[in-house]
Amino acid sequence: MYKADEAVGYLEYNSLREHLIIPEYGRHLQKLIEQATALEDRDERNKAAKYIIGVMGTLNPHLRDVPDFQHKLWDQLFIMSDFKIDVDSPYPIPSREVLAQKPDRLAYPQNFPKYRFYGNNIKYMIDVANKWDDGPLKDALIIVIANHMKKSFLSWNKDTVKDDVIFEHLYELSGGRINLTATDEELSASTDLMKVNKKMSNKAYSNTNNNNNNNARQKMQRGNIKNNNNRKS
């Protein structure tokens, strides 16, 4: 038994301990891996590694049905040992270089950030229209695109918008290949498009409320069943 003043000298502080490589498993498991790594006999190391894999699987019972779960545990074993443990693995041993590789940076899909309220689908539709041959179908598609642009504009800007503004944006987004500024085309009225937007928003709100009501009703039913079972017991 240590005296109180002597025991203080044996206390361990997290700031003085070694870094936890995978904190989810805790310090005891990492120490167990370090002990297994230090074993000189290879057969003993293999036995210790299999035991550690069993403990790691017990700590994650919800992952037992996940494909390649054992493969993941063996990879984590080598990672937690800082790739120093020398055991026979049933799977390819991961390397430090492969794990240290960073994924390629994803390109931002929005090419016209100042017109974000139109979305990427509008730009895709405009590109498709540019590839079509001139004719009634292309003209109809362009009008559909312009009306959709106007509806998207009104979704984010709660005010009326002139058709000339939409035509200018369409001209810019099409790279100057679609020009409605010099035509007599008229788009749908702002009031009609705003009604459509309002109907869509109300529908989404109604669906959310219905889902919340259904969840609350199911909770009440489960609570009633639980209370009935308690009374019977």
Protein backbone atom coordinates (compact mmCIF):
# COMPACT_ATOMS: atom_id res chain seq x y z
CA MET A 1 0.00 0.00 0.00
CA TYR A 2 1.20 3.47 -0.90
CA LYS A 3 0.96 6.40 1.40
CA ALA A 4 -1.08 9.36 0.20
CA ASP A 5 1.97 11.50 -0.59
CA GLU A 6 3.67 8.57 -2.39
CA ALA A 7 0.59 7.69 -4.48
CA VAL A 8 0.51 11.15 -5.97
CA GLY A 9 3.81 10.45 -7.69
CA TYR A 10 2.32 7.46 -9.53
CA LEU A 11 -0.68 9.30 -10.95
CA GLU A 12 -0.92 9.43 -14.73
CA TYR A 13 -2.21 12.50 -16.53
CA ASN A 14 -3.58 12.43 -20.06
CA SER A 15 -1.16 15.17 -21.07
CA LEU A 16 1.74 12.83 -20.20
CA ARG A 17 0.28 9.68 -21.79
CA GLU A 18 0.89 8.48 -25.30
CA HIS A 19 -1.46 9.65 -28.05
CA LEU A 20 -4.50 7.43 -28.64
CA ILE A 21 -4.47 6.44 -32.30
CA ILE A 22 -8.14 5.37 -32.36
CA PRO A 23 -9.72 6.89 -29.22
CA GLU A 24 -12.98 4.96 -29.66
CA TYR A 25 -11.32 1.76 -28.41
CA GLY A 26 -9.83 3.32 -25.29
CA ARG A 27 -6.41 3.24 -23.73
CA HIS A 28 -6.60 -0.29 -22.29
CA LEU A 29 -6.97 -1.86 -25.73
CA GLN A 30 -4.11 0.20 -27.11
CA LYS A 31 -1.90 -0.94 -24.24
CA LEU A 32 -2.97 -4.52 -24.95
CA ILE A 33 -1.86 -4.11 -28.57
CA GLU A 34 1.46 -2.65 -27.43
CA GLN A 35 2.01 -5.68 -25.18
CA ALA A 36 1.17 -8.03 -28.06
CA THR A 37 3.60 -6.17 -30.32
CA ALA A 38 6.38 -6.63 -27.76
CA LEU A 39 5.96 -10.44 -27.61
CA GLU A 40 8.99 -12.18 -29.08
CA ASP A 41 7.32 -15.49 -29.97
CA ARG A 42 5.39 -15.24 -33.25
CA ASP A 43 2.82 -17.87 -32.27
CA GLU A 44 2.09 -15.99 -29.07
CA ARG A 45 1.71 -12.75 -31.06
CA ASN A 46 -0.75 -14.42 -33.44
CA LYS A 47 -2.80 -15.74 -30.51
CA ALA A 48 -2.79 -12.33 -28.86
CA ALA A 49 -3.80 -10.65 -32.13
CA LYS A 50 -6.79 -12.98 -32.57
CA TYR A 51 -7.84 -12.35 -28.97
CA ILE A 52 -7.60 -8.59 -29.49
CA ILE A 53 -9.68 -8.86 -32.69
CA GLY A 54 -12.34 -10.69 -30.65
CA VAL A 55 -12.37 -7.93 -28.04
CA MET A 56 -12.62 -5.24 -30.74
CA GLY A 57 -15.57 -7.07 -32.29
CA THR A 58 -17.28 -7.27 -28.91
CA LEU A 59 -16.95 -3.51 -28.51
CA ASN A 60 -18.76 -3.01 -31.85
CA PRO A 61 -21.60 -5.57 -31.93
CA HIS A 62 -23.68 -3.35 -34.22
CA LEU A 63 -21.09 -3.78 -36.97
CA ARG A 64 -20.99 -7.58 -37.02
CA ASP A 65 -23.39 -7.76 -39.97
CA VAL A 66 -21.46 -5.16 -41.97
CA PRO A 67 -19.60 -6.66 -44.96
CA ASP A 68 -15.83 -6.94 -44.48
CA PHE A 69 -16.18 -6.16 -40.77
CA GLN A 70 -13.31 -8.49 -39.86
CA HIS A 71 -11.17 -6.88 -42.54
CA LYS A 72 -11.80 -3.49 -40.95
CA LEU A 73 -10.84 -4.78 -37.49
CA TRP A 74 -7.53 -6.20 -38.74
CA ASP A 75 -6.74 -2.91 -40.48
CA GLN A 76 -7.45 -1.04 -37.26
CA LEU A 77 -5.22 -3.45 -35.34
CA PHE A 78 -2.24 -2.59 -37.55
CA ILE A 79 -3.07 1.11 -37.39
CA MET A 80 -3.26 1.12 -33.58
CA SER A 81 0.07 -0.69 -33.38
CA ASP A 82 1.60 2.07 -35.54
CA PHE A 83 2.20 -0.67 -38.17
CA LYS A 84 4.76 -2.32 -35.85
CA ILE A 85 2.95 -5.56 -34.95
CA ASP A 86 4.22 -8.55 -36.96
CA VAL A 87 1.42 -11.12 -37.18
CA ASP A 88 -0.21 -13.31 -39.82
CA SER A 89 -3.23 -11.43 -41.09
CA PRO A 90 -5.97 -13.11 -43.19
CA TYR A 91 -6.22 -9.86 -45.17
CA PRO A 92 -3.69 -7.66 -47.01
CA ILE A 93 -1.76 -5.55 -44.54
CA PRO A 94 -2.41 -1.81 -44.98
CA SER A 95 0.49 0.56 -45.48
CA ARG A 96 1.10 3.90 -43.86
CA GLU A 97 1.61 5.56 -47.25
CA VAL A 98 -1.80 4.50 -48.60
CA LEU A 99 -3.62 5.73 -45.49
CA ALA A 100 -1.76 9.03 -45.61
CA GLN A 101 -2.91 9.78 -49.16
CA LYS A 102 -5.37 12.64 -49.47
CA PRO A 103 -8.29 12.49 -51.90
CA ASP A 104 -8.33 14.75 -54.91
CA ARG A 105 -10.07 18.05 -54.39
CA LEU A 106 -13.58 18.12 -55.79
CA ALA A 107 -14.36 20.89 -58.22
CA TYR A 108 -17.18 23.21 -57.23
CA PRO A 109 -20.04 22.52 -59.68
CA GLN A 110 -21.44 26.08 -59.77
CA ASN A 111 -19.92 28.01 -62.69
CA PHE A 112 -22.05 31.13 -62.17
CA PRO A 113 -22.11 31.76 -58.40
CA LYS A 114 -23.81 35.15 -58.79
CA TYR A 115 -26.89 33.34 -60.19
CA ARG A 116 -27.08 30.60 -57.58
CA PHE A 117 -30.84 30.91 -57.29
CA TYR A 118 -31.17 29.32 -60.75
CA GLY A 119 -29.37 26.14 -59.75
CA ASN A 120 -27.15 23.85 -61.82
CA ASN A 121 -30.05 22.15 -63.60
CA ILE A 122 -30.90 25.37 -65.41
CA LYS A 123 -27.36 25.63 -66.74
CA TYR A 124 -27.55 22.00 -67.83
CA MET A 125 -30.85 22.63 -69.67
CA ILE A 126 -29.37 25.69 -71.40
CA ASP A 127 -26.36 23.65 -72.56
CA VAL A 128 -28.74 21.02 -73.98
CA ALA A 129 -30.76 23.70 -75.79
CA ASN A 130 -27.57 25.08 -77.34
CA LYS A 131 -26.87 21.69 -78.90
CA TRP A 132 -30.29 21.37 -80.53
CA ASP A 133 -30.92 22.43 -84.10
CA ASP A 134 -33.04 25.51 -84.65
CA GLY A 135 -36.75 24.76 -84.90
CA PRO A 136 -40.08 24.75 -83.02
CA LEU A 137 -38.89 22.22 -80.44
CA LYS A 138 -35.84 24.29 -79.53
CA ASP A 139 -37.95 27.46 -79.35
CA ALA A 140 -40.42 25.73 -77.03
CA LEU A 141 -37.60 24.43 -74.83
CA ILE A 142 -36.09 27.91 -74.55
CA ILE A 143 -39.43 29.35 -73.39
CA VAL A 144 -39.77 26.57 -70.82
CA ILE A 145 -36.26 27.31 -69.55
CA ALA A 146 -36.94 31.04 -69.36
CA ASN A 147 -40.19 30.51 -67.41
CA HIS A 148 -38.40 28.15 -65.04
CA MET A 149 -35.68 30.75 -64.55
CA LYS A 150 -38.32 33.34 -63.72
CA LYS A 151 -39.98 31.00 -61.23
CA SER A 152 -36.62 30.26 -59.58
CA PHE A 153 -35.84 33.98 -59.46
CA LEU A 154 -39.15 34.67 -57.67
CA SER A 155 -38.51 31.85 -55.19
CA TRP A 156 -35.53 33.73 -53.78
CA ASN A 157 -36.53 37.28 -54.58
CA LYS A 158 -40.06 37.88 -53.31
CA ASP A 159 -40.88 40.56 -55.82
CA THR A 160 -41.87 40.93 -59.44
CA VAL A 161 -39.18 40.69 -62.10
CA LYS A 162 -39.22 42.00 -65.66
CA ASP A 163 -38.83 39.57 -68.50
CA ASP A 164 -35.90 41.62 -69.80
CA VAL A 165 -33.89 40.67 -66.70
CA ILE A 166 -34.51 36.97 -67.30
CA PHE A 167 -33.64 37.34 -70.97
CA GLU A 168 -30.34 39.05 -70.10
CA HIS A 169 -29.43 36.27 -67.65
CA LEU A 170 -30.37 33.65 -70.23
CA TYR A 171 -28.21 35.39 -72.81
CA GLU A 172 -25.25 35.38 -70.42
CA LEU A 173 -25.68 31.78 -69.24
CA SER A 174 -25.99 30.54 -72.83
CA GLY A 175 -22.78 32.27 -73.85
CA GLY A 176 -24.66 34.63 -76.13
CA ARG A 177 -26.25 31.85 -78.19
CA ILE A 178 -29.82 32.34 -76.91
CA ASN A 179 -31.05 35.88 -77.34
CA LEU A 180 -34.66 36.73 -76.51
CA THR A 181 -34.05 40.40 -75.79
CA ALA A 182 -34.95 41.43 -79.35
CA THR A 183 -38.10 39.30 -79.56
CA ASP A 184 -41.70 39.90 -78.55
CA GLU A 185 -41.83 36.80 -76.33
CA GLU A 186 -43.66 37.17 -73.03
CA LEU A 187 -43.16 34.87 -70.08
CA SER A 188 -45.76 33.76 -67.58
CA ALA A 189 -47.00 36.43 -65.21
CA SER A 190 -45.12 36.81 -61.96
CA THR A 191 -48.33 36.40 -59.93
CA ASP A 192 -49.05 33.02 -61.56
CA LEU A 193 -45.51 31.78 -60.96
CA MET A 194 -45.57 32.95 -57.35
CA LYS A 195 -48.82 31.01 -56.84
CA VAL A 196 -47.09 27.88 -58.11
CA ASN A 197 -44.18 28.47 -55.72
CA LYS A 198 -46.60 28.99 -52.85
CA LYS A 199 -48.45 25.78 -53.65
CA MET A 200 -45.17 23.85 -53.73
CA SER A 201 -44.02 25.31 -50.41
CA ASN A 202 -47.42 24.59 -48.81
CA LYS A 203 -47.28 21.02 -50.09
CA ALA A 204 -43.83 20.51 -48.62
CA TYR A 205 -44.97 22.04 -45.31
CA SER A 206 -48.04 19.78 -45.28
CA ASN A 207 -45.94 16.68 -45.90
CA THR A 208 -43.61 17.62 -43.05
CA ASN A 209 -46.54 18.12 -40.67
CA ASN A 210 -48.07 14.81 -41.71
CA ASN A 211 -44.79 13.01 -41.03
CA ASN A 212 -44.48 14.67 -37.62
CA ASN A 213 -48.07 13.77 -36.76
CA ASN A 214 -47.54 10.16 -37.83
CA ASN A 215 -44.39 9.91 -35.71
CA ALA A 216 -46.19 11.37 -32.68
CA ARG A 217 -49.11 8.98 -33.20
CA GLN A 218 -46.78 5.98 -33.39
CA LYS A 219 -45.01 7.05 -30.19
CA MET A 220 -48.35 7.33 -28.39
CA GLN A 221 -49.37 3.88 -29.61
CA ARG A 222 -46.09 2.36 -28.44
CA GLY A 223 -46.52 4.09 -25.09
CA ASN A 224 -50.04 2.71 -24.69
CA ILE A 225 -48.91 -0.80 -25.55
CA LYS A 226 -46.07 -0.55 -23.04
CA ASN A 227 -48.43 0.69 -20.30
CA ASN A 228 -50.88 -2.14 -21.00
CA ASN A 229 -48.11 -4.71 -20.79
CA ASN A 230 -46.95 -3.26 -17.46
CA ARG A 231 -50.48 -3.47 -16.08
CA LYS A 232 -50.83 -7.08 -17.16
CA SER A 233 -47.54 -8.01 -15.53
